Amino acid sequence: MIRQLRSILRLIRFPNLVIIAATQYAMRYLLMEPLLPSQTFSLQFGEVQFGLLVLSTIFIAAAGYIINDYFDTQSDMINKPARVVVGVRISRRVAMTLHALLNIIGVGLGVYLAFYVEIPSLSFVFVLATGLLWFYSTSYKRQFLVGNLSVAFLTGLVPLMVVLFEIPLLNREYGQVMLRNEASFNYIFAWVAGFSFFAFLTTLIREVIKDAEDFEGDMAYGMKTVPILLGTFWTKFAVVGMILVTLCLLVFLLLKYIMFSVEPADYFSMIYFLIFLVIPLIMLMIQVITAKDKRGYRRASTLIKMVMLTGILYSGVVFYLVNFKY
């Protein structure tokens, strides 16, 4: 029983689900709540409802991990045989049943929340996520860039979901007050969107790196990933280019919207960006350029995961600065 439970936790990538939940809670309590324009303002999306939103997100994500492993069993036997769960530790029938159950619960919760906030169209987001994860596993990931962009989009959607449900309720409650003061909640949306876009870019980088790591198995099963179609040199060139774009955007945001947008200048953020984002991204470029085998790309994949985590953790820095420094 314990071994079966461990296999299920591995199948649904439990640590990744924890990170997804932590990301959404960070966006709400470390970013959005401190950035409200006044202490008299409060978040309007209920605690219980927000908890259900997080559950919906992680259930759909878990279902996506299951269906991905279900259809990737053969290539994974070549790329990472020791990590294969479906068909080895858990039967394919159990995996599909669990996938269906998690999707039904996840989408059901999402539809309920969309009607709760009186924006039924938000239900489409949950259906879209489920559909993208299914088609990613069955076909998109075998196509040039389509799978990479799909996963990056869904990852970027994780923090954005928080504002999609919160901002309409804030406008409904405080909209007239904000209009009288010629203000809006757009700045809160912009902050979360910045984290969302960072998640999108870094995930896209990681997906291409993972494809380079899984080159042998993907080639054997006729996939058309970036490394297979472009070759090693141009794949490295593309990854380094995306890292440079990410670095330029980080420096631009730091200088224009963070560091010198307050008095005194925010050197705390500058130090954080330099140590935990800029330097690791430069190290990542070097690692990608010098990678020669699966082990080298695996190190690069681990490094970009660390950058993704420290990027999200910057929300804790924002919380500290807003509450105790400015």
Foldseek 3Di string as FASTA:
>chain_A
DVLLVVLLCLQLVVVVLVLLLVLQVLLQPLAQQLPPPDPVDGFDQDPVLSVLLSLLLSLLSSLLSLLLLLLCVQLCCVLPVVSRRDPPVHDSVVSVVSSVVSLVSSLVSQCVLCVVLPNNVSSVVSVVSNVLSNCLSVPQVLAECRNLQSVLLSQLVSNLVNCVSGQVSSCVVCVVVQVVVPHGCVVSNVVSNVLSVLSSLLSSLLSLLVCVLSVVSSVVVNGDYPCVPPNLVVSLVVSLVSLVVSLVVVVVCQVPPAQVPDPPGDVVVVVLCVPQPVVLSVVLNVLSVPDDHSVSSVVSSVSSVSSSSSSSVCSNVSSCCSPPPD
